[in-house]
PDB file of N, CA and C in Angstrom:
ATOM      1  N   MET A   1       0.807  -1.079  -0.100  1.00  0.00           N
ATOM      2  CA  MET A   1      -0.107  -0.070   0.179  1.00  0.00           C
ATOM      3  C   MET A   1       0.685   1.356   0.151  1.00  0.00           C
ATOM      4  N   VAL A   2       0.419   2.148  -0.768  1.00  0.00           N
ATOM      5  CA  VAL A   2       1.030   3.498  -0.801  1.00  0.00           C
ATOM      6  C   VAL A   2       1.067   4.392   0.740  1.00  0.00           C
ATOM      7  N   LYS A   3       2.205   4.849   1.003  1.00  0.00           N
ATOM      8  CA  LYS A   3       2.244   5.614   2.131  1.00  0.00           C
ATOM      9  C   LYS A   3       2.184   7.128   1.941  1.00  0.00           C
ATOM     10  N   TYR A   4       1.229   7.589   2.580  1.00  0.00           N
ATOM     11  CA  TYR A   4       0.923   8.909   2.184  1.00  0.00           C
ATOM     12  C   TYR A   4       0.542   9.672   3.598  1.00  0.00           C
ATOM     13  N   GLN A   5       0.549  10.944   3.889  1.00  0.00           N
ATOM     14  CA  GLN A   5       0.182  11.371   5.094  1.00  0.00           C
ATOM     15  C   GLN A   5      -0.858  12.525   4.497  1.00  0.00           C
ATOM     16  N   ARG A   6      -1.671  12.946   5.317  1.00  0.00           N
ATOM     17  CA  ARG A   6      -2.645  14.366   5.309  1.00  0.00           C
ATOM     18  C   ARG A   6      -1.591  15.537   5.130  1.00  0.00           C
ATOM     19  N   GLY A   7      -1.835  16.467   3.986  1.00  0.00           N
ATOM     20  CA  GLY A   7      -1.153  17.332   3.815  1.00  0.00           C
ATOM     21  C   GLY A   7      -0.155  17.050   2.489  1.00  0.00           C
ATOM     22  N   ASP A   8       0.121  15.925   2.348  1.00  0.00           N
ATOM     23  CA  ASP A   8       1.043  15.624   1.133  1.00  0.00           C
ATOM     24  C   ASP A   8       0.404  16.112  -0.367  1.00  0.00           C
ATOM     25  N   VAL A   9       1.042  16.573  -1.004  1.00  0.00           N
ATOM     26  CA  VAL A   9       0.645  16.654  -2.479  1.00  0.00           C
ATOM     27  C   VAL A   9       1.387  15.841  -3.314  1.00  0.00           C
ATOM     28  N   TRP A  10       0.515  14.898  -4.115  1.00  0.00           N
ATOM     29  CA  TRP A  10       0.989  13.868  -4.908  1.00  0.00           C
ATOM     30  C   TRP A  10       0.595  13.981  -6.448  1.00  0.00           C
ATOM     31  N   LEU A  11       1.296  13.584  -7.379  1.00  0.00           N
ATOM     32  CA  LEU A  11       0.770  13.618  -8.775  1.00  0.00           C
ATOM     33  C   LEU A  11      -0.240  12.454  -8.830  1.00  0.00           C
ATOM     34  N   VAL A  12      -1.444  12.494  -9.313  1.00  0.00           N
ATOM     35  CA  VAL A  12      -2.494  11.740  -9.204  1.00  0.00           C
ATOM     36  C   VAL A  12      -2.855  11.196 -10.661  1.00  0.00           C
ATOM     37  N   ASP A  13      -3.257  10.502 -11.299  1.00  0.00           N
ATOM     38  CA  ASP A  13      -3.787   9.949 -12.548  1.00  0.00           C
ATOM     39  C   ASP A  13      -5.133   9.959 -12.261  1.00  0.00           C
ATOM     40  N   LEU A  14      -5.652  10.875 -12.694  1.00  0.00           N
ATOM     41  CA  LEU A  14      -7.371  11.176 -12.596  1.00  0.00           C
ATOM     42  C   LEU A  14      -7.993  10.646 -13.762  1.00  0.00           C
ATOM     43  N   GLY A  15      -7.694   9.776 -14.786  1.00  0.00           N
ATOM     44  CA  GLY A  15      -8.206   9.284 -15.889  1.00  0.00           C
ATOM     45  C   GLY A  15      -7.931  10.178 -17.011  1.00  0.00           C
ATOM     46  N   TYR A  16      -8.671   9.689 -18.243  1.00  0.00           N
ATOM     47  CA  TYR A  16      -8.126  10.395 -19.168  1.00  0.00           C
ATOM     48  C   TYR A  16      -8.884  12.024 -19.303  1.00  0.00           C
ATOM     49  N   THR A  17     -10.061  12.004 -18.960  1.00  0.00           N
ATOM     50  CA  THR A  17     -10.669  13.406 -19.108  1.00  0.00           C
ATOM     51  C   THR A  17      -9.859  14.208 -18.122  1.00  0.00           C
ATOM     52  N   ALA A  18      -9.554  14.016 -16.894  1.00  0.00           N
ATOM     53  CA  ALA A  18      -9.145  14.825 -15.941  1.00  0.00           C
ATOM     54  C   ALA A  18      -7.627  15.022 -15.842  1.00  0.00           C
ATOM     55  N   LYS A  19      -7.035  13.823 -16.672  1.00  0.00           N
ATOM     56  CA  LYS A  19      -5.475  14.150 -16.765  1.00  0.00           C
ATOM     57  C   LYS A  19      -4.903  13.817 -15.510  1.00  0.00           C
ATOM     58  N   THR A  20      -3.596  13.691 -15.675  1.00  0.00           N
ATOM     59  CA  THR A  20      -2.691  13.553 -14.317  1.00  0.00           C
ATOM     60  C   THR A  20      -2.292  14.939 -13.666  1.00  0.00           C
ATOM     61  N   ARG A  21      -2.745  15.318 -12.402  1.00  0.00           N
ATOM     62  CA  ARG A  21      -2.326  16.433 -12.007  1.00  0.00           C
ATOM     63  C   ARG A  21      -2.231  16.538 -10.448  1.00  0.00           C
ATOM     64  N   PRO A  22      -1.588  17.445 -10.050  1.00  0.00           N
ATOM     65  CA  PRO A  22      -1.241  17.285  -8.354  1.00  0.00           C
ATOM     66  C   PRO A  22      -2.436  17.577  -7.599  1.00  0.00           C
ATOM     67  N   CYS A  23      -2.587  16.772  -6.543  1.00  0.00           N
ATOM     68  CA  CYS A  23      -3.791  16.833  -5.516  1.00  0.00           C
ATOM     69  C   CYS A  23      -3.210  16.639  -4.284  1.00  0.00           C
ATOM     70  N   LEU A  24      -4.139  17.543  -3.451  1.00  0.00           N
ATOM     71  CA  LEU A  24      -3.724  17.278  -2.057  1.00  0.00           C
ATOM     72  C   LEU A  24      -4.509  16.186  -1.183  1.00  0.00           C
ATOM     73  N   ILE A  25      -3.773  15.566  -0.395  1.00  0.00           N
ATOM     74  CA  ILE A  25      -4.209  14.594   0.145  1.00  0.00           C
ATOM     75  C   ILE A  25      -5.056  15.202   1.611  1.00  0.00           C
ATOM     76  N   MET A  26      -6.413  14.658   1.746  1.00  0.00           N
ATOM     77  CA  MET A  26      -7.272  15.233   2.792  1.00  0.00           C
ATOM     78  C   MET A  26      -7.300  14.271   3.646  1.00  0.00           C
ATOM     79  N   SER A  27      -7.607  13.117   3.442  1.00  0.00           N
ATOM     80  CA  SER A  27      -7.831  12.089   4.351  1.00  0.00           C
ATOM     81  C   SER A  27      -6.377  11.806   4.979  1.00  0.00           C
ATOM     82  N   THR A  28      -6.913  10.850   6.004  1.00  0.00           N
ATOM     83  CA  THR A  28      -6.016  10.457   7.110  1.00  0.00           C
ATOM     84  C   THR A  28      -5.408   9.011   6.592  1.00  0.00           C
ATOM     85  N   SER A  29      -4.117   8.743   7.257  1.00  0.00           N
ATOM     86  CA  SER A  29      -3.661   7.326   6.820  1.00  0.00           C
ATOM     87  C   SER A  29      -4.752   6.189   7.189  1.00  0.00           C
ATOM     88  N   ILE A  30      -4.629   5.095   6.453  1.00  0.00           N
ATOM     89  CA  ILE A  30      -5.795   3.943   6.968  1.00  0.00           C
ATOM     90  C   ILE A  30      -4.927   2.545   7.442  1.00  0.00           C
ATOM     91  N   SER A  31      -5.858   1.892   7.924  1.00  0.00           N
ATOM     92  CA  SER A  31      -5.263   0.627   8.443  1.00  0.00           C
ATOM     93  C   SER A  31      -5.460  -0.440   7.249  1.00  0.00           C
ATOM     94  N   ASP A  32      -4.976  -1.774   7.210  1.00  0.00           N
ATOM     95  CA  ASP A  32      -5.091  -2.621   6.473  1.00  0.00           C
ATOM     96  C   ASP A  32      -6.569  -3.216   5.973  1.00  0.00           C
ATOM     97  N   GLU A  33      -7.262  -2.939   7.079  1.00  0.00           N
ATOM     98  CA  GLU A  33      -8.705  -3.459   7.308  1.00  0.00           C
ATOM     99  C   GLU A  33      -9.719  -2.471   6.236  1.00  0.00           C
ATOM    100  N   ASP A  34      -9.164  -1.146   6.212  1.00  0.00           N
ATOM    101  CA  ASP A  34     -10.072  -0.117   5.578  1.00  0.00           C
ATOM    102  C   ASP A  34      -9.839  -0.403   4.069  1.00  0.00           C
ATOM    103  N   ARG A  35     -10.995   0.329   3.210  1.00  0.00           N
ATOM    104  CA  ARG A  35     -11.112   0.391   2.002  1.00  0.00           C
ATOM    105  C   ARG A  35      -9.698   1.201   1.365  1.00  0.00           C
ATOM    106  N   ALA A  36      -9.252   0.835   0.436  1.00  0.00           N
ATOM    107  CA  ALA A  36      -7.837   1.538  -0.258  1.00  0.00           C
ATOM    108  C   ALA A  36      -8.161   2.944  -1.058  1.00  0.00           C
ATOM    109  N   LEU A  37      -9.052   3.644  -0.311  1.00  0.00           N
ATOM    110  CA  LEU A  37      -9.100   5.013  -0.720  1.00  0.00           C
ATOM    111  C   LEU A  37      -8.577   6.302  -0.216  1.00  0.00           C
ATOM    112  N   VAL A  38      -8.352   7.144  -0.712  1.00  0.00           N
ATOM    113  CA  VAL A  38      -7.958   8.492  -0.231  1.00  0.00           C
ATOM    114  C   VAL A  38      -8.782   9.681  -0.737  1.00  0.00           C
ATOM    115  N   ALA A  39      -8.853  10.590  -0.011  1.00  0.00           N
ATOM    116  CA  ALA A  39      -9.668  12.022  -0.396  1.00  0.00           C
ATOM    117  C   ALA A  39      -8.827  12.925  -0.723  1.00  0.00           C
ATOM    118  N   LEU A  40      -8.996  13.509  -2.018  1.00  0.00           N
ATOM    119  CA  LEU A  40      -8.001  14.565  -2.494  1.00  0.00           C
ATOM    120  C   LEU A  40      -9.049  15.661  -3.040  1.00  0.00           C
ATOM    121  N   ILE A  41      -8.030  16.960  -2.945  1.00  0.00           N
ATOM    122  CA  ILE A  41      -8.722  18.139  -3.565  1.00  0.00           C
ATOM    123  C   ILE A  41      -7.347  18.365  -4.458  1.00  0.00           C
ATOM    124  N   THR A  42      -8.161  18.583  -5.898  1.00  0.00           N
ATOM    125  CA  THR A  42      -7.199  18.687  -6.974  1.00  0.00           C
ATOM    126  C   THR A  42      -6.460  20.222  -7.083  1.00  0.00           C
ATOM    127  N   HIS A  43      -5.649  20.390  -7.678  1.00  0.00           N
ATOM    128  CA  HIS A  43      -4.930  21.608  -8.127  1.00  0.00           C
ATOM    129  C   HIS A  43      -5.149  21.753  -9.520  1.00  0.00           C
ATOM    130  N   THR A  44      -5.407  23.006  -9.976  1.00  0.00           N
ATOM    131  CA  THR A  44      -5.724  23.562 -11.255  1.00  0.00           C
ATOM    132  C   THR A  44      -4.458  24.755 -11.450  1.00  0.00           C
ATOM    133  N   THR A  45      -4.444  24.924 -12.991  1.00  0.00           N
ATOM    134  CA  THR A  45      -3.749  26.052 -13.408  1.00  0.00           C
ATOM    135  C   THR A  45      -4.334  26.689 -14.077  1.00  0.00           C
ATOM    136  N   SER A  46      -5.789  26.471 -14.145  1.00  0.00           N
ATOM    137  CA  SER A  46      -6.864  27.412 -14.752  1.00  0.00           C
ATOM    138  C   SER A  46      -8.089  27.545 -13.720  1.00  0.00           C
ATOM    139  N   PRO A  47      -7.666  28.471 -12.999  1.00  0.00           N
ATOM    140  CA  PRO A  47      -8.575  29.342 -12.137  1.00  0.00           C
ATOM    141  C   PRO A  47      -9.824  29.853 -12.682  1.00  0.00           C
ATOM    142  N   ARG A  48     -11.041  29.883 -11.777  1.00  0.00           N
ATOM    143  CA  ARG A  48     -12.192  30.608 -12.426  1.00  0.00           C
ATOM    144  C   ARG A  48     -12.553  31.761 -11.267  1.00  0.00           C
ATOM    145  N   ASN A  49     -11.611  31.833 -10.383  1.00  0.00           N
ATOM    146  CA  ASN A  49     -11.859  33.047  -9.541  1.00  0.00           C
ATOM    147  C   ASN A  49     -12.901  32.740  -8.769  1.00  0.00           C
ATOM    148  N   THR A  50     -13.532  31.776  -8.227  1.00  0.00           N
ATOM    149  CA  THR A  50     -14.581  31.588  -7.302  1.00  0.00           C
ATOM    150  C   THR A  50     -14.021  31.475  -6.059  1.00  0.00           C
ATOM    151  N   GLN A  51     -14.921  31.743  -5.024  1.00  0.00           N
ATOM    152  CA  GLN A  51     -14.459  31.959  -3.713  1.00  0.00           C
ATOM    153  C   GLN A  51     -14.002  30.728  -2.984  1.00  0.00           C
ATOM    154  N   PHE A  52     -14.175  29.570  -4.040  1.00  0.00           N
ATOM    155  CA  PHE A  52     -13.709  28.279  -3.220  1.00  0.00           C
ATOM    156  C   PHE A  52     -12.395  27.789  -3.671  1.00  0.00           C
ATOM    157  N   GLU A  53     -11.789  28.972  -4.362  1.00  0.00           N
ATOM    158  CA  GLU A  53     -10.374  28.235  -4.844  1.00  0.00           C
ATOM    159  C   GLU A  53      -9.302  29.018  -3.825  1.00  0.00           C
ATOM    160  N   VAL A  54      -7.998  28.079  -3.496  1.00  0.00           N
ATOM    161  CA  VAL A  54      -7.239  28.673  -2.451  1.00  0.00           C
ATOM    162  C   VAL A  54      -5.933  28.541  -3.325  1.00  0.00           C
ATOM    163  N   THR A  55      -5.083  29.452  -3.309  1.00  0.00           N
ATOM    164  CA  THR A  55      -3.860  29.956  -3.793  1.00  0.00           C
ATOM    165  C   THR A  55      -2.860  29.536  -2.743  1.00  0.00           C
ATOM    166  N   ILE A  56      -2.008  28.587  -3.342  1.00  0.00           N
ATOM    167  CA  ILE A  56      -0.960  28.125  -2.380  1.00  0.00           C
ATOM    168  C   ILE A  56       0.521  28.402  -3.071  1.00  0.00           C
ATOM    169  N   ASP A  57       1.181  28.931  -2.636  1.00  0.00           N
ATOM    170  CA  ASP A  57       2.701  29.266  -3.055  1.00  0.00           C
ATOM    171  C   ASP A  57       3.559  27.966  -2.433  1.00  0.00           C
ATOM    172  N   ALA A  58       4.045  27.055  -3.466  1.00  0.00           N
ATOM    173  CA  ALA A  58       4.983  26.127  -3.271  1.00  0.00           C
ATOM    174  C   ALA A  58       6.035  25.656  -4.172  1.00  0.00           C
ATOM    175  N   PRO A  59       6.974  25.646  -4.055  1.00  0.00           N
ATOM    176  CA  PRO A  59       8.257  25.227  -5.002  1.00  0.00           C
ATOM    177  C   PRO A  59       7.779  24.148  -5.948  1.00  0.00           C
ATOM    178  N   PHE A  60       7.012  23.201  -5.558  1.00  0.00           N
ATOM    179  CA  PHE A  60       6.674  22.108  -6.434  1.00  0.00           C
ATOM    180  C   PHE A  60       5.500  22.142  -7.091  1.00  0.00           C
ATOM    181  N   LEU A  61       4.690  23.147  -6.986  1.00  0.00           N
ATOM    182  CA  LEU A  61       3.589  23.427  -7.739  1.00  0.00           C
ATOM    183  C   LEU A  61       3.835  24.568  -9.013  1.00  0.00           C
ATOM    184  N   LYS A  62       3.049  24.604  -9.784  1.00  0.00           N
ATOM    185  CA  LYS A  62       2.736  25.649 -10.975  1.00  0.00           C
ATOM    186  C   LYS A  62       1.992  26.579 -10.456  1.00  0.00           C
ATOM    187  N   ALA A  63       1.898  27.790 -10.761  1.00  0.00           N
ATOM    188  CA  ALA A  63       1.074  28.895 -10.454  1.00  0.00           C
ATOM    189  C   ALA A  63      -0.281  28.305 -10.795  1.00  0.00           C
ATOM    190  N   GLY A  64      -1.218  28.329  -9.680  1.00  0.00           N
ATOM    191  CA  GLY A  64      -2.706  28.031  -9.749  1.00  0.00           C
ATOM    192  C   GLY A  64      -3.410  27.919  -8.439  1.00  0.00           C
ATOM    193  N   VAL A  65      -4.497  26.986  -8.257  1.00  0.00           N
ATOM    194  CA  VAL A  65      -5.244  27.079  -6.894  1.00  0.00           C
ATOM    195  C   VAL A  65      -5.539  25.665  -6.594  1.00  0.00           C
ATOM    196  N   PHE A  66      -5.855  25.445  -5.571  1.00  0.00           N
ATOM    197  CA  PHE A  66      -6.629  24.229  -5.111  1.00  0.00           C
ATOM    198  C   PHE A  66      -8.127  24.580  -5.000  1.00  0.00           C
ATOM    199  N   ASN A  67      -8.643  23.889  -5.613  1.00  0.00           N
ATOM    200  CA  ASN A  67     -10.079  23.814  -6.049  1.00  0.00           C
ATOM    201  C   ASN A  67     -11.103  23.115  -4.973  1.00  0.00           C
ATOM    202  N   VAL A  68     -11.512  23.694  -3.724  1.00  0.00           N
ATOM    203  CA  VAL A  68     -11.990  22.658  -2.758  1.00  0.00           C
ATOM    204  C   VAL A  68     -13.359  22.222  -3.073  1.00  0.00           C
ATOM    205  N   GLN A  69     -13.998  22.679  -3.971  1.00  0.00           N
ATOM    206  CA  GLN A  69     -15.200  22.122  -4.627  1.00  0.00           C
ATOM    207  C   GLN A  69     -15.018  20.949  -5.438  1.00  0.00           C
ATOM    208  N   ASN A  70     -13.776  20.467  -5.670  1.00  0.00           N
ATOM    209  CA  ASN A  70     -13.507  19.394  -6.271  1.00  0.00           C
ATOM    210  C   ASN A  70     -12.564  18.396  -5.510  1.00  0.00           C
ATOM    211  N   LEU A  71     -13.611  18.055  -4.438  1.00  0.00           N
ATOM    212  CA  LEU A  71     -13.185  16.927  -3.289  1.00  0.00           C
ATOM    213  C   LEU A  71     -13.563  15.613  -3.957  1.00  0.00           C
ATOM    214  N   ILE A  72     -12.566  14.800  -4.061  1.00  0.00           N
ATOM    215  CA  ILE A  72     -12.879  13.446  -4.891  1.00  0.00           C
ATOM    216  C   ILE A  72     -12.182  12.289  -4.162  1.00  0.00           C
ATOM    217  N   THR A  73     -12.569  11.155  -4.300  1.00  0.00           N
ATOM    218  CA  THR A  73     -12.064  10.002  -3.682  1.00  0.00           C
ATOM    219  C   THR A  73     -11.488   8.926  -4.911  1.00  0.00           C
ATOM    220  N   VAL A  74     -10.197   8.559  -4.593  1.00  0.00           N
ATOM    221  CA  VAL A  74      -9.469   7.599  -5.650  1.00  0.00           C
ATOM    222  C   VAL A  74      -9.327   6.448  -4.981  1.00  0.00           C
ATOM    223  N   SER A  75      -8.680   5.431  -5.547  1.00  0.00           N
ATOM    224  CA  SER A  75      -7.740   4.294  -4.887  1.00  0.00           C
ATOM    225  C   SER A  75      -6.510   4.921  -4.985  1.00  0.00           C
ATOM    226  N   HIS A  76      -5.868   4.058  -4.169  1.00  0.00           N
ATOM    227  CA  HIS A  76      -4.224   4.398  -3.770  1.00  0.00           C
ATOM    228  C   HIS A  76      -3.721   3.971  -5.022  1.00  0.00           C
ATOM    229  N   ASP A  77      -4.212   3.141  -5.779  1.00  0.00           N
ATOM    230  CA  ASP A  77      -3.178   2.689  -7.141  1.00  0.00           C
ATOM    231  C   ASP A  77      -3.029   3.966  -7.910  1.00  0.00           C
ATOM    232  N   LYS A  78      -3.972   5.099  -7.939  1.00  0.00           N
ATOM    233  CA  LYS A  78      -3.972   6.364  -8.581  1.00  0.00           C
ATOM    234  C   LYS A  78      -2.839   7.325  -8.385  1.00  0.00           C
ATOM    235  N   LEU A  79      -2.431   6.922  -6.876  1.00  0.00           N
ATOM    236  CA  LEU A  79      -0.975   7.926  -6.747  1.00  0.00           C
ATOM    237  C   LEU A  79       0.205   7.317  -7.402  1.00  0.00           C
ATOM    238  N   ILE A  80       0.587   8.519  -7.786  1.00  0.00           N
ATOM    239  CA  ILE A  80       1.956   8.419  -9.037  1.00  0.00           C
ATOM    240  C   ILE A  80       2.981   8.549  -8.235  1.00  0.00           C
ATOM    241  N   LYS A  81       3.338   9.768  -7.509  1.00  0.00           N
ATOM    242  CA  LYS A  81       4.490  10.262  -7.207  1.00  0.00           C
ATOM    243  C   LYS A  81       4.391  11.546  -6.016  1.00  0.00           C
ATOM    244  N   ARG A  82       4.792  11.390  -5.066  1.00  0.00           N
ATOM    245  CA  ARG A  82       4.986  12.511  -4.076  1.00  0.00           C
ATOM    246  C   ARG A  82       5.683  13.739  -4.478  1.00  0.00           C
ATOM    247  N   LEU A  83       4.933  15.071  -4.508  1.00  0.00           N
ATOM    248  CA  LEU A  83       5.660  16.149  -4.959  1.00  0.00           C
ATOM    249  C   LEU A  83       6.184  16.861  -3.581  1.00  0.00           C
ATOM    250  N   GLY A  84       5.513  16.766  -2.624  1.00  0.00           N
ATOM    251  CA  GLY A  84       5.744  17.581  -1.566  1.00  0.00           C
ATOM    252  C   GLY A  84       4.873  17.730  -0.390  1.00  0.00           C
ATOM    253  N   ARG A  85       5.062  18.711   0.503  1.00  0.00           N
ATOM    254  CA  ARG A  85       3.906  18.509   1.507  1.00  0.00           C
ATOM    255  C   ARG A  85       3.578  20.034   1.696  1.00  0.00           C
ATOM    256  N   LEU A  86       2.477  20.378   2.045  1.00  0.00           N
ATOM    257  CA  LEU A  86       2.147  21.661   2.547  1.00  0.00           C
ATOM    258  C   LEU A  86       2.560  21.924   3.967  1.00  0.00           C
ATOM    259  N   SER A  87       2.822  23.301   4.146  1.00  0.00           N
ATOM    260  CA  SER A  87       2.846  23.768   5.691  1.00  0.00           C
ATOM    261  C   SER A  87       1.647  23.723   6.557  1.00  0.00           C
ATOM    262  N   ALA A  88       1.730  23.662   7.806  1.00  0.00           N
ATOM    263  CA  ALA A  88       0.408  23.537   8.975  1.00  0.00           C
ATOM    264  C   ALA A  88      -0.486  24.741   8.309  1.00  0.00           C
ATOM    265  N   PRO A  89       0.262  26.105   8.073  1.00  0.00           N
ATOM    266  CA  PRO A  89      -0.774  27.409   7.853  1.00  0.00           C
ATOM    267  C   PRO A  89      -1.339  27.073   6.578  1.00  0.00           C
ATOM    268  N   GLN A  90      -0.562  26.703   5.417  1.00  0.00           N
ATOM    269  CA  GLN A  90      -1.178  26.245   4.319  1.00  0.00           C
ATOM    270  C   GLN A  90      -2.415  25.223   4.203  1.00  0.00           C
ATOM    271  N   LEU A  91      -2.000  24.323   4.885  1.00  0.00           N
ATOM    272  CA  LEU A  91      -3.323  23.255   5.345  1.00  0.00           C
ATOM    273  C   LEU A  91      -4.422  23.822   5.752  1.00  0.00           C
ATOM    274  N   THR A  92      -4.142  24.642   6.869  1.00  0.00           N
ATOM    275  CA  THR A  92      -5.370  25.243   7.761  1.00  0.00           C
ATOM    276  C   THR A  92      -6.128  26.311   6.720  1.00  0.00           C
ATOM    277  N   LYS A  93      -5.344  26.941   5.861  1.00  0.00           N
ATOM    278  CA  LYS A  93      -6.030  27.786   4.858  1.00  0.00           C
ATOM    279  C   LYS A  93      -6.946  27.031   4.051  1.00  0.00           C
ATOM    280  N   ILE A  94      -6.721  25.735   3.621  1.00  0.00           N
ATOM    281  CA  ILE A  94      -7.487  24.943   2.778  1.00  0.00           C
ATOM    282  C   ILE A  94      -8.670  24.611   3.461  1.00  0.00           C
ATOM    283  N   GLU A  95      -8.258  23.809   4.648  1.00  0.00           N
ATOM    284  CA  GLU A  95      -9.220  23.106   5.472  1.00  0.00           C
ATOM    285  C   GLU A  95     -10.382  24.522   6.071  1.00  0.00           C
ATOM    286  N   ALA A  96      -9.987  25.448   6.430  1.00  0.00           N
ATOM    287  CA  ALA A  96     -11.100  26.547   6.438  1.00  0.00           C
ATOM    288  C   ALA A  96     -11.950  26.789   5.339  1.00  0.00           C
ATOM    289  N   MET A  97     -11.404  26.792   4.236  1.00  0.00           N
ATOM    290  CA  MET A  97     -12.284  26.908   2.922  1.00  0.00           C
ATOM    291  C   MET A  97     -13.133  25.857   2.665  1.00  0.00           C
ATOM    292  N   LEU A  98     -12.683  24.851   2.972  1.00  0.00           N
ATOM    293  CA  LEU A  98     -13.506  23.338   2.878  1.00  0.00           C
ATOM    294  C   LEU A  98     -14.760  23.440   3.872  1.00  0.00           C
ATOM    295  N   ARG A  99     -14.380  23.467   5.213  1.00  0.00           N
ATOM    296  CA  ARG A  99     -15.361  23.799   5.831  1.00  0.00           C
ATOM    297  C   ARG A  99     -16.530  24.911   5.496  1.00  0.00           C
ATOM    298  N   LEU A 100     -15.878  26.013   5.073  1.00  0.00           N
ATOM    299  CA  LEU A 100     -17.083  26.799   4.615  1.00  0.00           C
ATOM    300  C   LEU A 100     -17.922  26.255   3.229  1.00  0.00           C
ATOM    301  N   TRP A 101     -17.150  25.689   2.366  1.00  0.00           N
ATOM    302  CA  TRP A 101     -18.081  25.130   1.306  1.00  0.00           C
ATOM    303  C   TRP A 101     -18.877  24.104   1.853  1.00  0.00           C
ATOM    304  N   LEU A 102     -18.644  23.093   2.708  1.00  0.00           N
ATOM    305  CA  LEU A 102     -19.257  21.992   3.071  1.00  0.00           C
ATOM    306  C   LEU A 102     -20.204  22.412   4.183  1.00  0.00           C
ATOM    307  N   GLY A 103     -20.317  23.754   4.980  1.00  0.00           N
ATOM    308  CA  GLY A 103     -21.110  24.203   6.084  1.00  0.00           C
ATOM    309  C   GLY A 103     -20.894  23.649   7.257  1.00  0.00           C
ATOM    310  N   LEU A 104     -19.677  23.150   7.547  1.00  0.00           N
ATOM    311  CA  LEU A 104     -19.214  22.471   8.802  1.00  0.00           C
ATOM    312  C   LEU A 104     -18.858  23.526   9.985  1.00  0.00           C
TER     313      LEU A 104
END
């Protein structure tokens, strides 16, 4: 099983139409008994300037945004390569926007 941590940014194969793109891991690590799924927020270099896009500057990312409205779940085998890790303040910024969108 792939080893990842919440806050990691991975290159993920999202299929033919969605391409391969950086994604932020939002779920926690799981045990062997759990389903091999991981929750992600995608990164895009084509922002639409909505209130639910979060700009994060990181050396391993091109200019763009994390779109919290694109919260998806994929199997671990779609994770290709770890690109880096967001800092705690960067992750907090995304979590706050995700809570706003979900009404939590």
